[in-house]
Structures are given as structure tokens and as C-alpha cells.
mmCIF file of all heavy atoms, coordinates in Angstrom:
data_MODEL
# 
_entry.id   MODEL 
# 
loop_
_atom_site.group_PDB 
_atom_site.id 
_atom_site.type_symbol 
_atom_site.label_atom_id 
_atom_site.label_alt_id 
_atom_site.label_comp_id 
_atom_site.label_asym_id 
_atom_site.label_entity_id 
_atom_site.label_seq_id 
_atom_site.pdbx_PDB_ins_code 
_atom_site.Cartn_x 
_atom_site.Cartn_y 
_atom_site.Cartn_z 
_atom_site.occupancy 
_atom_site.B_iso_or_equiv 
_atom_site.pdbx_formal_charge 
_atom_site.auth_seq_id 
_atom_site.auth_comp_id 
_atom_site.auth_asym_id 
_atom_site.auth_atom_id 
_atom_site.pdbx_PDB_model_num 
ATOM 1   N N   . THR A 1 1  ? 100.996 88.842  112.981 1.00 0.00 ? 1  THR A N   1 
ATOM 2   C CA  . THR A 1 1  ? 100.625 89.476  114.243 1.00 0.00 ? 1  THR A CA  1 
ATOM 3   C C   . THR A 1 1  ? 101.655 89.224  115.337 1.00 0.00 ? 1  THR A C   1 
ATOM 4   O O   . THR A 1 1  ? 101.929 90.090  116.165 1.00 0.00 ? 1  THR A O   1 
ATOM 5   C CB  . THR A 1 1  ? 99.241  88.967  114.704 1.00 0.00 ? 1  THR A CB  1 
ATOM 6   O OG1 . THR A 1 1  ? 98.315  89.176  113.640 1.00 0.00 ? 1  THR A OG1 1 
ATOM 7   C CG2 . THR A 1 1  ? 98.756  89.698  115.927 1.00 0.00 ? 1  THR A CG2 1 
ATOM 8   N N   . ALA A 1 2  ? 102.241 88.044  115.347 1.00 0.00 ? 2  ALA A N   1 
ATOM 9   C CA  . ALA A 1 2  ? 103.207 87.689  116.387 1.00 0.00 ? 2  ALA A CA  1 
ATOM 10  C C   . ALA A 1 2  ? 104.564 88.360  116.175 1.00 0.00 ? 2  ALA A C   1 
ATOM 11  O O   . ALA A 1 2  ? 105.257 88.683  117.140 1.00 0.00 ? 2  ALA A O   1 
ATOM 12  C CB  . ALA A 1 2  ? 103.379 86.175  116.434 1.00 0.00 ? 2  ALA A CB  1 
ATOM 13  N N   . THR A 1 3  ? 104.950 88.584  114.920 1.00 0.00 ? 3  THR A N   1 
ATOM 14  C CA  . THR A 1 3  ? 106.304 89.085  114.643 1.00 0.00 ? 3  THR A CA  1 
ATOM 15  C C   . THR A 1 3  ? 106.356 90.561  114.243 1.00 0.00 ? 3  THR A C   1 
ATOM 16  O O   . THR A 1 3  ? 107.425 91.176  114.312 1.00 0.00 ? 3  THR A O   1 
ATOM 17  C CB  . THR A 1 3  ? 106.959 88.240  113.534 1.00 0.00 ? 3  THR A CB  1 
ATOM 18  O OG1 . THR A 1 3  ? 106.140 88.303  112.356 1.00 0.00 ? 3  THR A OG1 1 
ATOM 19  C CG2 . THR A 1 3  ? 107.125 86.794  113.968 1.00 0.00 ? 3  THR A CG2 1 
ATOM 20  N N   . ALA A 1 4  ? 105.232 91.136  113.852 1.00 0.00 ? 4  ALA A N   1 
ATOM 21  C CA  . ALA A 1 4  ? 105.210 92.542  113.421 1.00 0.00 ? 4  ALA A CA  1 
ATOM 22  C C   . ALA A 1 4  ? 105.706 93.505  114.506 1.00 0.00 ? 4  ALA A C   1 
ATOM 23  O O   . ALA A 1 4  ? 106.457 94.434  114.181 1.00 0.00 ? 4  ALA A O   1 
ATOM 24  C CB  . ALA A 1 4  ? 103.815 92.930  112.940 1.00 0.00 ? 4  ALA A CB  1 
ATOM 25  N N   . PRO A 1 5  ? 105.328 93.325  115.776 1.00 0.00 ? 5  PRO A N   1 
ATOM 26  C CA  . PRO A 1 5  ? 105.832 94.255  116.803 1.00 0.00 ? 5  PRO A CA  1 
ATOM 27  C C   . PRO A 1 5  ? 107.359 94.264  116.916 1.00 0.00 ? 5  PRO A C   1 
ATOM 28  O O   . PRO A 1 5  ? 107.960 95.316  117.155 1.00 0.00 ? 5  PRO A O   1 
ATOM 29  C CB  . PRO A 1 5  ? 105.181 93.749  118.098 1.00 0.00 ? 5  PRO A CB  1 
ATOM 30  C CG  . PRO A 1 5  ? 103.954 93.036  117.651 1.00 0.00 ? 5  PRO A CG  1 
ATOM 31  C CD  . PRO A 1 5  ? 104.331 92.408  116.330 1.00 0.00 ? 5  PRO A CD  1 
ATOM 32  N N   . GLU A 1 6  ? 107.987 93.126  116.712 1.00 0.00 ? 6  GLU A N   1 
ATOM 33  C CA  . GLU A 1 6  ? 109.450 93.049  116.771 1.00 0.00 ? 6  GLU A CA  1 
ATOM 34  C C   . GLU A 1 6  ? 110.069 93.870  115.632 1.00 0.00 ? 6  GLU A C   1 
ATOM 35  O O   . GLU A 1 6  ? 111.016 94.629  115.842 1.00 0.00 ? 6  GLU A O   1 
ATOM 36  C CB  . GLU A 1 6  ? 109.901 91.589  116.668 1.00 0.00 ? 6  GLU A CB  1 
ATOM 37  C CG  . GLU A 1 6  ? 111.407 91.429  116.691 1.00 0.00 ? 6  GLU A CG  1 
ATOM 38  C CD  . GLU A 1 6  ? 111.848 89.981  116.449 1.00 0.00 ? 6  GLU A CD  1 
ATOM 39  O OE1 . GLU A 1 6  ? 111.007 89.088  116.318 1.00 0.00 ? 6  GLU A OE1 1 
ATOM 40  O OE2 . GLU A 1 6  ? 113.076 89.790  116.387 1.00 0.00 ? 6  GLU A OE2 1 
ATOM 41  N N   . LEU A 1 7  ? 109.518 93.727  114.430 1.00 0.00 ? 7  LEU A N   1 
ATOM 42  C CA  . LEU A 1 7  ? 110.023 94.503  113.297 1.00 0.00 ? 7  LEU A CA  1 
ATOM 43  C C   . LEU A 1 7  ? 109.795 95.994  113.526 1.00 0.00 ? 7  LEU A C   1 
ATOM 44  O O   . LEU A 1 7  ? 110.687 96.813  113.288 1.00 0.00 ? 7  LEU A O   1 
ATOM 45  C CB  . LEU A 1 7  ? 109.354 94.058  111.990 1.00 0.00 ? 7  LEU A CB  1 
ATOM 46  C CG  . LEU A 1 7  ? 109.735 94.871  110.752 1.00 0.00 ? 7  LEU A CG  1 
ATOM 47  C CD1 . LEU A 1 7  ? 111.238 94.818  110.491 1.00 0.00 ? 7  LEU A CD1 1 
ATOM 48  C CD2 . LEU A 1 7  ? 108.953 94.387  109.539 1.00 0.00 ? 7  LEU A CD2 1 
ATOM 49  N N   . GLU A 1 8  ? 108.619 96.337  114.003 1.00 0.00 ? 8  GLU A N   1 
ATOM 50  C CA  . GLU A 1 8  ? 108.301 97.742  114.263 1.00 0.00 ? 8  GLU A CA  1 
ATOM 51  C C   . GLU A 1 8  ? 109.279 98.351  115.275 1.00 0.00 ? 8  GLU A C   1 
ATOM 52  O O   . GLU A 1 8  ? 109.778 99.462  115.089 1.00 0.00 ? 8  GLU A O   1 
ATOM 53  C CB  . GLU A 1 8  ? 106.864 97.865  114.768 1.00 0.00 ? 8  GLU A CB  1 
ATOM 54  C CG  . GLU A 1 8  ? 106.378 99.283  114.849 1.00 0.00 ? 8  GLU A CG  1 
ATOM 55  C CD  . GLU A 1 8  ? 104.880 99.357  115.096 1.00 0.00 ? 8  GLU A CD  1 
ATOM 56  O OE1 . GLU A 1 8  ? 104.330 98.479  115.797 1.00 0.00 ? 8  GLU A OE1 1 
ATOM 57  O OE2 . GLU A 1 8  ? 104.269 100.301 114.589 1.00 0.00 ? 8  GLU A OE2 1 
ATOM 58  N N   . ALA A 1 9  ? 109.595 97.610  116.328 1.00 0.00 ? 9  ALA A N   1 
ATOM 59  C CA  . ALA A 1 9  ? 110.536 98.093  117.344 1.00 0.00 ? 9  ALA A CA  1 
ATOM 60  C C   . ALA A 1 9  ? 111.925 98.291  116.745 1.00 0.00 ? 9  ALA A C   1 
ATOM 61  O O   . ALA A 1 9  ? 112.580 99.307  116.996 1.00 0.00 ? 9  ALA A O   1 
ATOM 62  C CB  . ALA A 1 9  ? 110.591 97.110  118.513 1.00 0.00 ? 9  ALA A CB  1 
ATOM 63  N N   . LYS A 1 10 ? 112.378 97.342  115.931 1.00 0.00 ? 10 LYS A N   1 
ATOM 64  C CA  . LYS A 1 10 ? 113.702 97.473  115.305 1.00 0.00 ? 10 LYS A CA  1 
ATOM 65  C C   . LYS A 1 10 ? 113.745 98.669  114.361 1.00 0.00 ? 10 LYS A C   1 
ATOM 66  O O   . LYS A 1 10 ? 114.745 99.382  114.296 1.00 0.00 ? 10 LYS A O   1 
ATOM 67  C CB  . LYS A 1 10 ? 114.077 96.187  114.571 1.00 0.00 ? 10 LYS A CB  1 
ATOM 68  C CG  . LYS A 1 10 ? 114.476 95.074  115.504 1.00 0.00 ? 10 LYS A CG  1 
ATOM 69  C CD  . LYS A 1 10 ? 115.194 93.964  114.776 1.00 0.00 ? 10 LYS A CD  1 
ATOM 70  C CE  . LYS A 1 10 ? 115.424 92.790  115.680 1.00 0.00 ? 10 LYS A CE  1 
ATOM 71  N NZ  . LYS A 1 10 ? 116.688 92.783  116.336 1.00 0.00 ? 10 LYS A NZ  1 
ATOM 72  N N   . LEU A 1 11 ? 112.670 98.889  113.623 1.00 0.00 ? 11 LEU A N   1 
ATOM 73  C CA  . LEU A 1 11 ? 112.620 100.038 112.721 1.00 0.00 ? 11 LEU A CA  1 
ATOM 74  C C   . LEU A 1 11 ? 112.657 101.344 113.500 1.00 0.00 ? 11 LEU A C   1 
ATOM 75  O O   . LEU A 1 11 ? 113.372 102.273 113.134 1.00 0.00 ? 11 LEU A O   1 
ATOM 76  C CB  . LEU A 1 11 ? 111.367 99.984  111.847 1.00 0.00 ? 11 LEU A CB  1 
ATOM 77  C CG  . LEU A 1 11 ? 111.394 98.966  110.707 1.00 0.00 ? 11 LEU A CG  1 
ATOM 78  C CD1 . LEU A 1 11 ? 110.026 98.865  110.060 1.00 0.00 ? 11 LEU A CD1 1 
ATOM 79  C CD2 . LEU A 1 11 ? 112.452 99.318  109.682 1.00 0.00 ? 11 LEU A CD2 1 
ATOM 80  N N   . ASN A 1 12 ? 111.882 101.415 114.570 1.00 0.00 ? 12 ASN A N   1 
ATOM 81  C CA  . ASN A 1 12 ? 111.853 102.635 115.383 1.00 0.00 ? 12 ASN A CA  1 
ATOM 82  C C   . ASN A 1 12 ? 113.225 102.976 115.940 1.00 0.00 ? 12 ASN A C   1 
ATOM 83  O O   . ASN A 1 12 ? 113.573 104.144 116.077 1.00 0.00 ? 12 ASN A O   1 
ATOM 84  C CB  . ASN A 1 12 ? 110.826 102.512 116.508 1.00 0.00 ? 12 ASN A CB  1 
ATOM 85  C CG  . ASN A 1 12 ? 109.400 102.564 115.991 1.00 0.00 ? 12 ASN A CG  1 
ATOM 86  O OD1 . ASN A 1 12 ? 109.132 103.063 114.902 1.00 0.00 ? 12 ASN A OD1 1 
ATOM 87  N ND2 . ASN A 1 12 ? 108.479 102.023 116.767 1.00 0.00 ? 12 ASN A ND2 1 
ATOM 88  N N   . GLN A 1 13 ? 114.017 101.960 116.258 1.00 0.00 ? 13 GLN A N   1 
ATOM 89  C CA  . GLN A 1 13 ? 115.366 102.164 116.789 1.00 0.00 ? 13 GLN A CA  1 
ATOM 90  C C   . GLN A 1 13 ? 116.358 102.560 115.703 1.00 0.00 ? 13 GLN A C   1 
ATOM 91  O O   . GLN A 1 13 ? 117.388 103.162 115.999 1.00 0.00 ? 13 GLN A O   1 
ATOM 92  C CB  . GLN A 1 13 ? 115.898 100.881 117.432 1.00 0.00 ? 13 GLN A CB  1 
ATOM 93  C CG  . GLN A 1 13 ? 115.139 100.394 118.622 1.00 0.00 ? 13 GLN A CG  1 
ATOM 94  C CD  . GLN A 1 13 ? 115.562 98.973  119.016 1.00 0.00 ? 13 GLN A CD  1 
ATOM 95  O OE1 . GLN A 1 13 ? 116.378 98.347  118.349 1.00 0.00 ? 13 GLN A OE1 1 
ATOM 96  N NE2 . GLN A 1 13 ? 114.970 98.464  120.083 1.00 0.00 ? 13 GLN A NE2 1 
ATOM 97  N N   . SER A 1 14 ? 116.057 102.209 114.449 1.00 0.00 ? 14 SER A N   1 
ATOM 98  C CA  . SER A 1 14 ? 117.072 102.272 113.397 1.00 0.00 ? 14 SER A CA  1 
ATOM 99  C C   . SER A 1 14 ? 116.886 103.356 112.346 1.00 0.00 ? 14 SER A C   1 
ATOM 100 O O   . SER A 1 14 ? 117.808 103.610 111.579 1.00 0.00 ? 14 SER A O   1 
ATOM 101 C CB  . SER A 1 14 ? 117.117 100.922 112.669 1.00 0.00 ? 14 SER A CB  1 
ATOM 102 O OG  . SER A 1 14 ? 117.311 99.873  113.571 1.00 0.00 ? 14 SER A OG  1 
ATOM 103 N N   . LEU A 1 15 ? 115.721 103.970 112.237 1.00 0.00 ? 15 LEU A N   1 
ATOM 104 C CA  . LEU A 1 15 ? 115.445 104.854 111.103 1.00 0.00 ? 15 LEU A CA  1 
ATOM 105 C C   . LEU A 1 15 ? 115.983 106.272 111.236 1.00 0.00 ? 15 LEU A C   1 
ATOM 106 O O   . LEU A 1 15 ? 116.024 106.998 110.251 1.00 0.00 ? 15 LEU A O   1 
ATOM 107 C CB  . LEU A 1 15 ? 113.935 104.909 110.826 1.00 0.00 ? 15 LEU A CB  1 
ATOM 108 C CG  . LEU A 1 15 ? 113.347 103.652 110.198 1.00 0.00 ? 15 LEU A CG  1 
ATOM 109 C CD1 . LEU A 1 15 ? 111.856 103.825 109.946 1.00 0.00 ? 15 LEU A CD1 1 
ATOM 110 C CD2 . LEU A 1 15 ? 114.066 103.279 108.915 1.00 0.00 ? 15 LEU A CD2 1 
ATOM 111 N N   . ASN A 1 16 ? 116.430 106.663 112.414 1.00 0.00 ? 16 ASN A N   1 
ATOM 112 C CA  . ASN A 1 16 ? 116.930 108.021 112.590 1.00 0.00 ? 16 ASN A CA  1 
ATOM 113 C C   . ASN A 1 16 ? 118.155 108.252 111.701 1.00 0.00 ? 16 ASN A C   1 
ATOM 114 O O   . ASN A 1 16 ? 119.150 107.557 111.806 1.00 0.00 ? 16 ASN A O   1 
ATOM 115 C CB  . ASN A 1 16 ? 117.277 108.275 114.054 1.00 0.00 ? 16 ASN A CB  1 
ATOM 116 C CG  . ASN A 1 16 ? 117.491 109.735 114.351 1.00 0.00 ? 16 ASN A CG  1 
ATOM 117 O OD1 . ASN A 1 16 ? 117.028 110.604 113.611 1.00 0.00 ? 16 ASN A OD1 1 
ATOM 118 N ND2 . ASN A 1 16 ? 118.200 110.023 115.420 1.00 0.00 ? 16 ASN A ND2 1 
ATOM 119 N N   . GLY A 1 17 ? 118.070 109.237 110.807 1.00 0.00 ? 17 GLY A N   1 
ATOM 120 C CA  . GLY A 1 17 ? 119.181 109.562 109.920 1.00 0.00 ? 17 GLY A CA  1 
ATOM 121 C C   . GLY A 1 17 ? 119.269 108.717 108.660 1.00 0.00 ? 17 GLY A C   1 
ATOM 122 O O   . GLY A 1 17 ? 120.135 108.934 107.823 1.00 0.00 ? 17 GLY A O   1 
ATOM 123 N N   . ILE A 1 18 ? 118.375 107.763 108.506 1.00 0.00 ? 18 ILE A N   1 
ATOM 124 C CA  . ILE A 1 18 ? 118.381 106.896 107.326 1.00 0.00 ? 18 ILE A CA  1 
ATOM 125 C C   . ILE A 1 18 ? 117.662 107.606 106.173 1.00 0.00 ? 18 ILE A C   1 
ATOM 126 O O   . ILE A 1 18 ? 116.571 108.134 106.347 1.00 0.00 ? 18 ILE A O   1 
ATOM 127 C CB  . ILE A 1 18 ? 117.702 105.538 107.636 1.00 0.00 ? 18 ILE A CB  1 
ATOM 128 C CG1 . ILE A 1 18 ? 118.498 104.773 108.697 1.00 0.00 ? 18 ILE A CG1 1 
ATOM 129 C CG2 . ILE A 1 18 ? 117.507 104.704 106.371 1.00 0.00 ? 18 ILE A CG2 1 
ATOM 130 C CD1 . ILE A 1 18 ? 119.900 104.367 108.277 1.00 0.00 ? 18 ILE A CD1 1 
ATOM 131 N N   . GLU A 1 19 ? 118.287 107.593 105.002 1.00 0.00 ? 19 GLU A N   1 
ATOM 132 C CA  . GLU A 1 19 ? 117.695 108.223 103.825 1.00 0.00 ? 19 GLU A CA  1 
ATOM 133 C C   . GLU A 1 19 ? 117.146 107.202 102.835 1.00 0.00 ? 19 GLU A C   1 
ATOM 134 O O   . GLU A 1 19 ? 116.332 107.534 101.979 1.00 0.00 ? 19 GLU A O   1 
ATOM 135 C CB  . GLU A 1 19 ? 118.724 109.117 103.130 1.00 0.00 ? 19 GLU A CB  1 
ATOM 136 C CG  . GLU A 1 19 ? 119.112 110.310 104.000 1.00 0.00 ? 19 GLU A CG  1 
ATOM 137 C CD  . GLU A 1 19 ? 120.212 111.153 103.382 1.00 0.00 ? 19 GLU A CD  1 
ATOM 138 O OE1 . GLU A 1 19 ? 120.683 110.834 102.267 1.00 0.00 ? 19 GLU A OE1 1 
ATOM 139 O OE2 . GLU A 1 19 ? 120.600 112.138 104.031 1.00 0.00 ? 19 GLU A OE2 1 
ATOM 140 N N   . LYS A 1 20 ? 117.611 105.960 102.943 1.00 0.00 ? 20 LYS A N   1 
ATOM 141 C CA  . LYS A 1 20 ? 117.127 104.905 102.056 1.00 0.00 ? 20 LYS A CA  1 
ATOM 142 C C   . LYS A 1 20 ? 116.908 103.640 102.879 1.00 0.00 ? 20 LYS A C   1 
ATOM 143 O O   . LYS A 1 20 ? 117.829 103.141 103.518 1.00 0.00 ? 20 LYS A O   1 
ATOM 144 C CB  . LYS A 1 20 ? 118.127 104.642 100.933 1.00 0.00 ? 20 LYS A CB  1 
ATOM 145 C CG  . LYS A 1 20 ? 117.659 103.596 99.934  1.00 0.00 ? 20 LYS A CG  1 
ATOM 146 C CD  . LYS A 1 20 ? 118.681 103.437 98.817  1.00 0.00 ? 20 LYS A CD  1 
ATOM 147 C CE  . LYS A 1 20 ? 118.242 102.410 97.797  1.00 0.00 ? 20 LYS A CE  1 
ATOM 148 N NZ  . LYS A 1 20 ? 119.296 102.207 96.779  1.00 0.00 ? 20 LYS A NZ  1 
ATOM 149 N N   . LEU A 1 21 ? 115.677 103.150 102.866 1.00 0.00 ? 21 LEU A N   1 
ATOM 150 C CA  . LEU A 1 21 ? 115.311 101.922 103.566 1.00 0.00 ? 21 LEU A CA  1 
ATOM 151 C C   . LEU A 1 21 ? 114.969 100.871 102.518 1.00 0.00 ? 21 LEU A C   1 
ATOM 152 O O   . LEU A 1 21 ? 114.120 101.106 101.658 1.00 0.00 ? 21 LEU A O   1 
ATOM 153 C CB  . LEU A 1 21 ? 114.110 102.166 104.484 1.00 0.00 ? 21 LEU A CB  1 
ATOM 154 C CG  . LEU A 1 21 ? 113.475 100.946 105.150 1.00 0.00 ? 21 LEU A CG  1 
ATOM 155 C CD1 . LEU A 1 21 ? 114.482 100.216 106.048 1.00 0.00 ? 21 LEU A CD1 1 
ATOM 156 C CD2 . LEU A 1 21 ? 112.244 101.352 105.945 1.00 0.00 ? 21 LEU A CD2 1 
ATOM 157 N N   . VAL A 1 22 ? 115.651 99.738  102.587 1.00 0.00 ? 22 VAL A N   1 
ATOM 158 C CA  . VAL A 1 22 ? 115.415 98.647  101.641 1.00 0.00 ? 22 VAL A CA  1 
ATOM 159 C C   . VAL A 1 22 ? 114.973 97.415  102.421 1.00 0.00 ? 22 VAL A C   1 
ATOM 160 O O   . VAL A 1 22 ? 115.652 96.982  103.352 1.00 0.00 ? 22 VAL A O   1 
ATOM 161 C CB  . VAL A 1 22 ? 116.689 98.312  100.831 1.00 0.00 ? 22 VAL A CB  1 
ATOM 162 C CG1 . VAL A 1 22 ? 116.440 97.135  99.889  1.00 0.00 ? 22 VAL A CG1 1 
ATOM 163 C CG2 . VAL A 1 22 ? 117.184 99.535  100.072 1.00 0.00 ? 22 VAL A CG2 1 
ATOM 164 N N   . PHE A 1 23 ? 113.812 96.879  102.032 1.00 0.00 ? 23 PHE A N   1 
ATOM 165 C CA  . PHE A 1 23 ? 113.353 95.606  102.580 1.00 0.00 ? 23 PHE A CA  1 
ATOM 166 C C   . PHE A 1 23 ? 113.669 94.526  101.564 1.00 0.00 ? 23 PHE A C   1 
ATOM 167 O O   . PHE A 1 23 ? 113.308 94.656  100.390 1.00 0.00 ? 23 PHE A O   1 
ATOM 168 C CB  . PHE A 1 23 ? 111.837 95.609  102.836 1.00 0.00 ? 23 PHE A CB  1 
ATOM 169 C CG  . PHE A 1 23 ? 111.432 96.335  104.071 1.00 0.00 ? 23 PHE A CG  1 
ATOM 170 C CD1 . PHE A 1 23 ? 110.910 97.616  103.995 1.00 0.00 ? 23 PHE A CD1 1 
ATOM 171 C CD2 . PHE A 1 23 ? 111.548 95.746  105.317 1.00 0.00 ? 23 PHE A CD2 1 
ATOM 172 C CE1 . PHE A 1 23 ? 110.523 98.301  105.127 1.00 0.00 ? 23 PHE A CE1 1 
ATOM 173 C CE2 . PHE A 1 23 ? 111.167 96.423  106.463 1.00 0.00 ? 23 PHE A CE2 1 
ATOM 174 C CZ  . PHE A 1 23 ? 110.651 97.692  106.364 1.00 0.00 ? 23 PHE A CZ  1 
ATOM 175 N N   . ASP A 1 24 ? 114.327 93.457  101.996 1.00 0.00 ? 24 ASP A N   1 
ATOM 176 C CA  . ASP A 1 24 ? 114.598 92.312  101.137 1.00 0.00 ? 24 ASP A CA  1 
ATOM 177 C C   . ASP A 1 24 ? 113.672 91.175  101.578 1.00 0.00 ? 24 ASP A C   1 
ATOM 178 O O   . ASP A 1 24 ? 113.800 90.654  102.682 1.00 0.00 ? 24 ASP A O   1 
ATOM 179 C CB  . ASP A 1 24 ? 116.064 91.899  101.263 1.00 0.00 ? 24 ASP A CB  1 
ATOM 180 C CG  . ASP A 1 24 ? 116.439 90.782  100.302 1.00 0.00 ? 24 ASP A CG  1 
ATOM 181 O OD1 . ASP A 1 24 ? 115.534 90.111  99.749  1.00 0.00 ? 24 ASP A OD1 1 
ATOM 182 O OD2 . ASP A 1 24 ? 117.641 90.567  100.102 1.00 0.00 ? 24 ASP A OD2 1 
# 
């Protein structure tokens, strides 16, 4: 709960034009 918003914000900034998203 404490860290999910940070990840969500980074994803929202980064996914434009991305065709493959890999979570490690």
C-alpha cells in the first residue's frame, strides 16, 4: 500500500510507446 502509488506513477510516465513491459 505504501509503495504501489510510486510504481503506478512511474509506469504512467513510462508506458507511452512501449511494446514490451518486463517486471523483474
